[in-house]
Amino acid sequence: MKKITLTIFVLFFVVFGFSQNTDSTKILKDSIKEYHFSGSISATNNGISFIPTFTLGKPAVIFNLSAGGKKLSFEPEMRFSMEGKPWSFLLWWRYKILNNDKFRITLGAHPGFAFKTLESSSNGVNTSTILVQRYLAGEFSPNYLLTKNTSIGMYYLYSHGVDYGTTKNTHFITFNMNMTNIKLSNDFFAKITPQLYYLKMDSKSGCYITSSLTISKKNCPITISALGNKIINTQITASPNFVWNASVAYIFNNNFKKW
């Protein structure tokens, strides 16, 4: 009887200990939160934008950053001319509504600041003043993954100009495709992103086609890319018929966990 009691007692503690360990492991795993800090620093020969009022038209440096968790992230985009003058700041907050093997849906919003340099002369003295124009914008971006490296989707952006002299209502809609990890050799890969987009700025509108090509090397943080943008039909006089640029970028990505 004593042996039976002792055996039951030992088995009870083994089972209890195992279940406690399993529960503790699950609780510990669930309590771990994953965060990221990533981004890129790029230099281009021609600072252009799909929205003409945001085009710089000369060499520029662009900082794209992203910090946050699996769902919510803060993604500021800061652009400067090569002289160090600010071009535009977009302070994005983005939230991933859905992110699985087939569908990805993201919502975003930001305050935006566009900078313009005004030159003036008084009594033979030349001065320059930086004018800041403020915008509020929101975005909706659904994507469907056809394969691991190919996706199709759309992108909608609405922007409202806050200050006098800005475009009050901008609608930007694209239909796009992303083809990544196109093997060029054992070490080099390409990414191609063609898209068709519609742009309406207050009462004027236009249709455009654009495509970008990015080439990267395996285990190398440096990429080179080129982008071209062509008018199909437009009423927006500020839009050039064809514009392109080339860029080189340094990309970094850091992930960390917190209990």
C-alpha atoms as a PDB file:
ATOM      1  CA  MET A   1       0.000   0.000   0.000  1.00  0.00           C
ATOM      2  CA  LYS A   2       2.838   2.356   0.844  1.00  0.00           C
ATOM      3  CA  LYS A   3       4.497   1.605  -2.518  1.00  0.00           C
ATOM      4  CA  ILE A   4       1.259   2.311  -4.425  1.00  0.00           C
ATOM      5  CA  THR A   5       0.749   5.563  -2.539  1.00  0.00           C
ATOM      6  CA  LEU A   6       4.345   6.634  -3.173  1.00  0.00           C
ATOM      7  CA  THR A   7       4.037   5.783  -6.908  1.00  0.00           C
ATOM      8  CA  ILE A   8       0.812   7.827  -7.249  1.00  0.00           C
ATOM      9  CA  PHE A   9       2.432  10.681  -5.338  1.00  0.00           C
ATOM     10  CA  VAL A  10       5.488  10.724  -7.663  1.00  0.00           C
ATOM     11  CA  LEU A  11       3.354  10.475 -10.825  1.00  0.00           C
ATOM     12  CA  PHE A  12       1.170  13.345  -9.606  1.00  0.00           C
ATOM     13  CA  PHE A  13       4.171  15.624  -9.194  1.00  0.00           C
ATOM     14  CA  VAL A  14       5.655  14.614 -12.569  1.00  0.00           C
ATOM     15  CA  VAL A  15       2.382  15.371 -14.404  1.00  0.00           C
ATOM     16  CA  PHE A  16       1.786  18.538 -12.419  1.00  0.00           C
ATOM     17  CA  GLY A  17       5.338  19.743 -13.006  1.00  0.00           C
ATOM     18  CA  PHE A  18       5.152  19.012 -16.736  1.00  0.00           C
ATOM     19  CA  SER A  19       1.837  20.862 -17.122  1.00  0.00           C
ATOM     20  CA  GLN A  20       3.168  23.812 -15.165  1.00  0.00           C
ATOM     21  CA  ASN A  21       6.281  23.911 -17.344  1.00  0.00           C
ATOM     22  CA  THR A  22       4.137  23.778 -20.535  1.00  0.00           C
ATOM     23  CA  ASP A  23       1.862  26.541 -19.266  1.00  0.00           C
ATOM     24  CA  SER A  24       4.837  28.653 -18.242  1.00  0.00           C
ATOM     25  CA  THR A  25       6.464  28.193 -21.651  1.00  0.00           C
ATOM     26  CA  LYS A  26       3.229  29.199 -23.407  1.00  0.00           C
ATOM     27  CA  ILE A  27       2.765  32.244 -21.178  1.00  0.00           C
ATOM     28  CA  LEU A  28       6.388  33.257 -21.709  1.00  0.00           C
ATOM     29  CA  LYS A  29       6.053  32.823 -25.486  1.00  0.00           C
ATOM     30  CA  ASP A  30       2.822  34.835 -25.579  1.00  0.00           C
ATOM     31  CA  SER A  31       4.403  37.618 -23.533  1.00  0.00           C
ATOM     32  CA  ILE A  32       7.247  38.128 -26.011  1.00  0.00           C
ATOM     33  CA  LYS A  33       6.678  41.130 -28.248  1.00  0.00           C
ATOM     34  CA  GLU A  34       8.581  41.569 -31.485  1.00  0.00           C
ATOM     35  CA  TYR A  35       9.690  44.980 -32.720  1.00  0.00           C
ATOM     36  CA  HIS A  36      11.639  46.250 -35.692  1.00  0.00           C
ATOM     37  CA  PHE A  37      13.745  49.231 -36.662  1.00  0.00           C
ATOM     38  CA  SER A  38      14.508  49.365 -40.361  1.00  0.00           C
ATOM     39  CA  GLY A  39      14.866  51.788 -43.218  1.00  0.00           C
ATOM     40  CA  SER A  40      16.966  53.094 -46.060  1.00  0.00           C
ATOM     41  CA  ILE A  41      19.125  56.057 -46.970  1.00  0.00           C
ATOM     42  CA  SER A  42      19.139  56.824 -50.678  1.00  0.00           C
ATOM     43  CA  ALA A  43      20.637  59.394 -53.024  1.00  0.00           C
ATOM     44  CA  THR A  44      19.076  60.242 -56.380  1.00  0.00           C
ATOM     45  CA  ASN A  45      20.042  62.398 -59.333  1.00  0.00           C
ATOM     46  CA  ASN A  46      16.492  63.749 -59.640  1.00  0.00           C
ATOM     47  CA  GLY A  47      14.046  64.188 -56.781  1.00  0.00           C
ATOM     48  CA  ILE A  48      10.674  63.416 -58.324  1.00  0.00           C
ATOM     49  CA  SER A  49       7.217  62.618 -57.020  1.00  0.00           C
ATOM     50  CA  PHE A  50       4.116  61.119 -58.607  1.00  0.00           C
ATOM     51  CA  ILE A  51       2.328  64.231 -57.302  1.00  0.00           C
ATOM     52  CA  PRO A  52       3.899  67.126 -59.269  1.00  0.00           C
ATOM     53  CA  THR A  53       3.624  69.692 -56.474  1.00  0.00           C
ATOM     54  CA  PHE A  54       5.989  67.514 -54.402  1.00  0.00           C
ATOM     55  CA  THR A  55       8.634  67.235 -57.133  1.00  0.00           C
ATOM     56  CA  LEU A  56      12.046  68.756 -56.379  1.00  0.00           C
ATOM     57  CA  GLY A  57      13.608  68.375 -59.830  1.00  0.00           C
ATOM     58  CA  LYS A  58      17.237  68.131 -58.719  1.00  0.00           C
ATOM     59  CA  PRO A  59      19.568  65.763 -56.785  1.00  0.00           C
ATOM     60  CA  ALA A  60      18.304  64.740 -53.363  1.00  0.00           C
ATOM     61  CA  VAL A  61      18.842  62.523 -50.331  1.00  0.00           C
ATOM     62  CA  ILE A  62      15.926  60.546 -48.900  1.00  0.00           C
ATOM     63  CA  PHE A  63      15.642  58.929 -45.455  1.00  0.00           C
ATOM     64  CA  ASN A  64      12.974  56.238 -45.016  1.00  0.00           C
ATOM     65  CA  LEU A  65      12.586  54.807 -41.514  1.00  0.00           C
ATOM     66  CA  SER A  66      10.232  52.298 -39.904  1.00  0.00           C
ATOM     67  CA  ALA A  67       9.888  51.453 -36.201  1.00  0.00           C
ATOM     68  CA  GLY A  68       7.192  49.474 -34.447  1.00  0.00           C
ATOM     69  CA  GLY A  69       5.617  46.094 -33.909  1.00  0.00           C
ATOM     70  CA  LYS A  70       3.753  43.542 -36.004  1.00  0.00           C
ATOM     71  CA  LYS A  71       0.680  45.744 -36.484  1.00  0.00           C
ATOM     72  CA  LEU A  72       1.441  49.404 -35.821  1.00  0.00           C
ATOM     73  CA  SER A  73       4.525  51.246 -37.027  1.00  0.00           C
ATOM     74  CA  PHE A  74       5.822  54.789 -37.335  1.00  0.00           C
ATOM     75  CA  GLU A  75       7.393  55.349 -40.759  1.00  0.00           C
ATOM     76  CA  PRO A  76       8.741  58.868 -41.336  1.00  0.00           C
ATOM     77  CA  GLU A  77      10.031  59.821 -44.777  1.00  0.00           C
ATOM     78  CA  MET A  78      12.372  62.817 -44.813  1.00  0.00           C
ATOM     79  CA  ARG A  79      13.719  64.280 -48.040  1.00  0.00           C
ATOM     80  CA  PHE A  80      16.437  66.876 -48.525  1.00  0.00           C
ATOM     81  CA  SER A  81      18.144  68.508 -51.468  1.00  0.00           C
ATOM     82  CA  MET A  82      21.871  67.877 -51.818  1.00  0.00           C
ATOM     83  CA  GLU A  83      22.455  71.383 -50.427  1.00  0.00           C
ATOM     84  CA  GLY A  84      20.882  70.225 -47.157  1.00  0.00           C
ATOM     85  CA  LYS A  85      17.637  72.157 -47.560  1.00  0.00           C
ATOM     86  CA  PRO A  86      14.455  70.279 -46.574  1.00  0.00           C
ATOM     87  CA  TRP A  87      12.313  69.085 -49.468  1.00  0.00           C
ATOM     88  CA  SER A  88       9.398  67.310 -47.765  1.00  0.00           C
ATOM     89  CA  PHE A  89       8.630  65.457 -44.525  1.00  0.00           C
ATOM     90  CA  LEU A  90       5.934  62.758 -44.366  1.00  0.00           C
ATOM     91  CA  LEU A  91       5.321  61.431 -40.858  1.00  0.00           C
ATOM     92  CA  TRP A  92       3.477  58.193 -41.577  1.00  0.00           C
ATOM     93  CA  TRP A  93       1.657  56.024 -39.062  1.00  0.00           C
ATOM     94  CA  ARG A  94       0.682  52.671 -40.593  1.00  0.00           C
ATOM     95  CA  TYR A  95      -1.469  49.825 -39.269  1.00  0.00           C
ATOM     96  CA  LYS A  96      -1.578  46.321 -40.797  1.00  0.00           C
ATOM     97  CA  ILE A  97      -5.204  45.214 -40.733  1.00  0.00           C
ATOM     98  CA  LEU A  98      -4.420  41.914 -42.416  1.00  0.00           C
ATOM     99  CA  ASN A  99      -1.107  40.211 -43.105  1.00  0.00           C
ATOM    100  CA  ASN A 100      -1.124  36.541 -44.087  1.00  0.00           C
ATOM    101  CA  ASP A 101       0.175  34.293 -46.867  1.00  0.00           C
ATOM    102  CA  LYS A 102      -2.288  35.674 -49.444  1.00  0.00           C
ATOM    103  CA  PHE A 103      -3.725  39.026 -48.384  1.00  0.00           C
ATOM    104  CA  ARG A 104      -2.140  42.162 -46.967  1.00  0.00           C
ATOM    105  CA  ILE A 105      -4.148  45.258 -46.116  1.00  0.00           C
ATOM    106  CA  THR A 106      -2.629  48.406 -44.616  1.00  0.00           C
ATOM    107  CA  LEU A 107      -4.150  51.685 -43.444  1.00  0.00           C
ATOM    108  CA  GLY A 108      -2.026  54.790 -42.986  1.00  0.00           C
ATOM    109  CA  ALA A 109      -2.222  58.467 -42.126  1.00  0.00           C
ATOM    110  CA  HIS A 110       0.246  61.311 -41.845  1.00  0.00           C
ATOM    111  CA  PRO A 111       0.802  65.016 -41.504  1.00  0.00           C
ATOM    112  CA  GLY A 112       2.978  66.175 -44.401  1.00  0.00           C
ATOM    113  CA  PHE A 113       5.189  69.219 -44.858  1.00  0.00           C
ATOM    114  CA  ALA A 114       6.382  70.477 -48.246  1.00  0.00           C
ATOM    115  CA  PHE A 115       9.164  73.054 -48.320  1.00  0.00           C
ATOM    116  CA  LYS A 116       9.740  75.665 -51.003  1.00  0.00           C
ATOM    117  CA  THR A 117      12.606  78.135 -51.199  1.00  0.00           C
ATOM    118  CA  LEU A 118      11.586  81.664 -52.182  1.00  0.00           C
ATOM    119  CA  GLU A 119      14.335  83.907 -53.520  1.00  0.00           C
ATOM    120  CA  SER A 120      14.120  87.700 -53.128  1.00  0.00           C
ATOM    121  CA  SER A 121      16.353  90.746 -53.537  1.00  0.00           C
ATOM    122  CA  SER A 122      16.253  94.033 -51.664  1.00  0.00           C
ATOM    123  CA  ASN A 123      18.804  96.856 -52.056  1.00  0.00           C
ATOM    124  CA  GLY A 124      21.152  94.505 -53.869  1.00  0.00           C
ATOM    125  CA  VAL A 125      20.999  91.898 -51.100  1.00  0.00           C
ATOM    126  CA  ASN A 126      19.747  88.452 -52.106  1.00  0.00           C
ATOM    127  CA  THR A 127      17.857  86.480 -49.491  1.00  0.00           C
ATOM    128  CA  SER A 128      16.099  83.124 -49.463  1.00  0.00           C
ATOM    129  CA  THR A 129      13.108  82.152 -47.355  1.00  0.00           C
ATOM    130  CA  ILE A 130      11.820  78.620 -46.810  1.00  0.00           C
ATOM    131  CA  LEU A 131       8.025  78.375 -47.076  1.00  0.00           C
ATOM    132  CA  VAL A 132       6.314  75.438 -45.350  1.00  0.00           C
ATOM    133  CA  GLN A 133       3.059  74.042 -46.725  1.00  0.00           C
ATOM    134  CA  ARG A 134       1.097  71.620 -44.565  1.00  0.00           C
ATOM    135  CA  TYR A 135      -0.951  68.611 -45.661  1.00  0.00           C
ATOM    136  CA  LEU A 136      -3.021  65.883 -44.017  1.00  0.00           C
ATOM    137  CA  ALA A 137      -3.281  62.548 -45.800  1.00  0.00           C
ATOM    138  CA  GLY A 138      -4.597  59.024 -45.472  1.00  0.00           C
ATOM    139  CA  GLU A 139      -3.993  55.829 -47.428  1.00  0.00           C
ATOM    140  CA  PHE A 140      -5.547  52.419 -48.069  1.00  0.00           C
ATOM    141  CA  SER A 141      -3.388  49.642 -49.545  1.00  0.00           C
ATOM    142  CA  PRO A 142      -4.688  46.100 -50.242  1.00  0.00           C
ATOM    143  CA  ASN A 143      -2.432  43.504 -51.899  1.00  0.00           C
ATOM    144  CA  TYR A 144      -2.929  39.925 -53.043  1.00  0.00           C
ATOM    145  CA  LEU A 145       0.019  37.517 -53.327  1.00  0.00           C
ATOM    146  CA  LEU A 146      -0.147  35.443 -56.501  1.00  0.00           C
ATOM    147  CA  THR A 147       3.060  33.632 -55.561  1.00  0.00           C
ATOM    148  CA  LYS A 148       5.732  34.044 -52.916  1.00  0.00           C
ATOM    149  CA  ASN A 149       7.489  36.698 -55.006  1.00  0.00           C
ATOM    150  CA  THR A 150       4.644  38.191 -57.071  1.00  0.00           C
ATOM    151  CA  SER A 151       1.746  40.324 -55.887  1.00  0.00           C
ATOM    152  CA  ILE A 152      -0.917  42.568 -57.363  1.00  0.00           C
ATOM    153  CA  GLY A 153      -2.744  45.353 -55.603  1.00  0.00           C
ATOM    154  CA  MET A 154      -4.024  48.855 -55.496  1.00  0.00           C
ATOM    155  CA  TYR A 155      -3.168  51.952 -53.529  1.00  0.00           C
ATOM    156  CA  TYR A 156      -5.377  54.931 -52.675  1.00  0.00           C
ATOM    157  CA  LEU A 157      -4.127  58.187 -51.180  1.00  0.00           C
ATOM    158  CA  TYR A 158      -6.181  61.228 -50.232  1.00  0.00           C
ATOM    159  CA  SER A 159      -4.385  64.454 -49.328  1.00  0.00           C
ATOM    160  CA  HIS A 160      -5.833  67.727 -48.052  1.00  0.00           C
ATOM    161  CA  GLY A 161      -3.869  70.960 -48.236  1.00  0.00           C
ATOM    162  CA  VAL A 162      -4.196  72.929 -45.014  1.00  0.00           C
ATOM    163  CA  ASP A 163      -2.555  76.227 -45.957  1.00  0.00           C
ATOM    164  CA  TYR A 164      -3.560  78.888 -48.462  1.00  0.00           C
ATOM    165  CA  GLY A 165      -2.181  78.207 -51.937  1.00  0.00           C
ATOM    166  CA  THR A 166      -2.007  74.422 -51.522  1.00  0.00           C
ATOM    167  CA  THR A 167      -4.008  71.863 -53.467  1.00  0.00           C
ATOM    168  CA  LYS A 168      -7.044  71.319 -51.269  1.00  0.00           C
ATOM    169  CA  ASN A 169      -8.059  67.857 -52.459  1.00  0.00           C
ATOM    170  CA  THR A 170      -5.730  65.320 -54.059  1.00  0.00           C
ATOM    171  CA  HIS A 171      -6.835  61.803 -55.039  1.00  0.00           C
ATOM    172  CA  PHE A 172      -4.150  59.304 -56.059  1.00  0.00           C
ATOM    173  CA  ILE A 173      -5.154  55.773 -57.144  1.00  0.00           C
ATOM    174  CA  THR A 174      -2.795  53.108 -58.488  1.00  0.00           C
ATOM    175  CA  PHE A 175      -3.060  49.554 -59.760  1.00  0.00           C
ATOM    176  CA  ASN A 176       0.284  47.843 -59.387  1.00  0.00           C
ATOM    177  CA  MET A 177       2.278  44.638 -59.564  1.00  0.00           C
ATOM    178  CA  ASN A 178       5.367  43.700 -57.556  1.00  0.00           C
ATOM    179  CA  MET A 179       7.792  41.068 -58.859  1.00  0.00           C
ATOM    180  CA  THR A 180      10.650  40.405 -56.442  1.00  0.00           C
ATOM    181  CA  ASN A 181      13.664  38.070 -56.216  1.00  0.00           C
ATOM    182  CA  ILE A 182      14.027  37.775 -59.993  1.00  0.00           C
ATOM    183  CA  LYS A 183      17.261  35.829 -60.317  1.00  0.00           C
ATOM    184  CA  LEU A 184      19.833  37.467 -62.588  1.00  0.00           C
ATOM    185  CA  SER A 185      22.749  35.304 -61.408  1.00  0.00           C
ATOM    186  CA  ASN A 186      23.770  33.395 -58.288  1.00  0.00           C
ATOM    187  CA  ASP A 187      24.385  36.667 -56.442  1.00  0.00           C
ATOM    188  CA  PHE A 188      22.235  39.315 -58.140  1.00  0.00           C
ATOM    189  CA  PHE A 189      18.474  39.751 -58.020  1.00  0.00           C
ATOM    190  CA  ALA A 190      15.986  42.225 -59.472  1.00  0.00           C
ATOM    191  CA  LYS A 191      12.671  43.724 -58.433  1.00  0.00           C
ATOM    192  CA  ILE A 192      10.238  45.222 -60.968  1.00  0.00           C
ATOM    193  CA  THR A 193       7.222  47.330 -59.991  1.00  0.00           C
ATOM    194  CA  PRO A 194       5.030  48.540 -62.873  1.00  0.00           C
ATOM    195  CA  GLN A 195       1.911  50.538 -62.106  1.00  0.00           C
ATOM    196  CA  LEU A 196      -0.878  52.497 -63.736  1.00  0.00           C
ATOM    197  CA  TYR A 197      -2.221  55.441 -61.769  1.00  0.00           C
ATOM    198  CA  TYR A 198      -4.880  58.130 -61.796  1.00  0.00           C
ATOM    199  CA  LEU A 199      -4.226  61.509 -60.212  1.00  0.00           C
ATOM    200  CA  LYS A 200      -6.781  64.240 -59.486  1.00  0.00           C
ATOM    201  CA  MET A 201      -5.703  67.568 -58.003  1.00  0.00           C
ATOM    202  CA  ASP A 202      -8.760  69.717 -57.259  1.00  0.00           C
ATOM    203  CA  SER A 203     -10.505  70.077 -60.643  1.00  0.00           C
ATOM    204  CA  LYS A 204      -7.685  68.705 -62.853  1.00  0.00           C
ATOM    205  CA  SER A 205      -6.822  65.067 -63.419  1.00  0.00           C
ATOM    206  CA  GLY A 206      -4.605  62.736 -65.437  1.00  0.00           C
ATOM    207  CA  CYS A 207      -3.577  59.129 -66.083  1.00  0.00           C
ATOM    208  CA  TYR A 208       0.033  57.943 -66.004  1.00  0.00           C
ATOM    209  CA  ILE A 209       2.148  54.810 -66.257  1.00  0.00           C
ATOM    210  CA  THR A 210       5.301  54.224 -64.272  1.00  0.00           C
ATOM    211  CA  SER A 211       7.763  51.444 -63.568  1.00  0.00           C
ATOM    212  CA  SER A 212      10.774  50.953 -61.316  1.00  0.00           C
ATOM    213  CA  LEU A 213      13.649  48.488 -61.470  1.00  0.00           C
ATOM    214  CA  THR A 214      15.815  47.663 -58.450  1.00  0.00           C
ATOM    215  CA  ILE A 215      18.920  45.472 -58.515  1.00  0.00           C
ATOM    216  CA  SER A 216      20.415  44.017 -55.340  1.00  0.00           C
ATOM    217  CA  LYS A 217      23.286  41.700 -54.465  1.00  0.00           C
ATOM    218  CA  LYS A 218      22.958  38.791 -52.059  1.00  0.00           C
ATOM    219  CA  ASN A 219      24.049  39.708 -48.514  1.00  0.00           C
ATOM    220  CA  CYS A 220      24.790  43.284 -49.576  1.00  0.00           C
ATOM    221  CA  PRO A 221      22.894  46.286 -48.087  1.00  0.00           C
ATOM    222  CA  ILE A 222      23.465  48.450 -51.189  1.00  0.00           C
ATOM    223  CA  THR A 223      20.898  48.567 -54.018  1.00  0.00           C
ATOM    224  CA  ILE A 224      20.642  50.538 -57.238  1.00  0.00           C
ATOM    225  CA  SER A 225      17.375  51.454 -58.922  1.00  0.00           C
ATOM    226  CA  ALA A 226      15.816  53.427 -61.755  1.00  0.00           C
ATOM    227  CA  LEU A 227      12.317  54.831 -62.164  1.00  0.00           C
ATOM    228  CA  GLY A 228      10.462  56.198 -65.171  1.00  0.00           C
ATOM    229  CA  ASN A 229       7.136  58.035 -65.285  1.00  0.00           C
ATOM    230  CA  LYS A 230       5.119  58.735 -68.485  1.00  0.00           C
ATOM    231  CA  ILE A 231       1.922  60.680 -69.131  1.00  0.00           C
ATOM    232  CA  ILE A 232      -0.940  58.838 -70.832  1.00  0.00           C
ATOM    233  CA  ASN A 233      -3.374  61.761 -70.710  1.00  0.00           C
ATOM    234  CA  THR A 234      -3.489  64.705 -68.305  1.00  0.00           C
ATOM    235  CA  GLN A 235      -4.905  68.170 -67.587  1.00  0.00           C
ATOM    236  CA  ILE A 236      -2.273  68.839 -64.909  1.00  0.00           C
ATOM    237  CA  THR A 237       0.110  71.319 -66.532  1.00  0.00           C
ATOM    238  CA  ALA A 238       2.830  70.798 -63.909  1.00  0.00           C
ATOM    239  CA  SER A 239       3.312  67.187 -65.030  1.00  0.00           C
ATOM    240  CA  PRO A 240       6.278  66.609 -67.397  1.00  0.00           C
ATOM    241  CA  ASN A 241       5.599  64.253 -70.313  1.00  0.00           C
ATOM    242  CA  PHE A 242       8.358  61.886 -69.213  1.00  0.00           C
ATOM    243  CA  VAL A 243      10.605  61.989 -66.172  1.00  0.00           C
ATOM    244  CA  TRP A 244      13.112  59.514 -64.743  1.00  0.00           C
ATOM    245  CA  ASN A 245      15.724  59.127 -62.052  1.00  0.00           C
ATOM    246  CA  ALA A 246      18.392  56.754 -60.800  1.00  0.00           C
ATOM    247  CA  SER A 247      19.127  56.052 -57.148  1.00  0.00           C
ATOM    248  CA  VAL A 248      21.535  54.214 -54.900  1.00  0.00           C
ATOM    249  CA  ALA A 249      20.385  53.133 -51.433  1.00  0.00           C
ATOM    250  CA  TYR A 250      21.751  51.654 -48.224  1.00  0.00           C
ATOM    251  CA  ILE A 251      19.184  49.394 -46.537  1.00  0.00           C
ATOM    252  CA  PHE A 252      19.191  48.168 -42.928  1.00  0.00           C
ATOM    253  CA  ASN A 253      16.852  45.998 -40.904  1.00  0.00           C
ATOM    254  CA  ASN A 254      16.974  45.156 -37.188  1.00  0.00           C
ATOM    255  CA  ASN A 255      14.518  42.986 -35.256  1.00  0.00           C
ATOM    256  CA  PHE A 256      14.409  42.546 -31.496  1.00  0.00           C
ATOM    257  CA  LYS A 257      12.181  41.004 -28.868  1.00  0.00           C
ATOM    258  CA  LYS A 258      10.945  42.313 -25.536  1.00  0.00           C
ATOM    259  CA  TRP A 259       9.423  40.424 -22.613  1.00  0.00           C
END
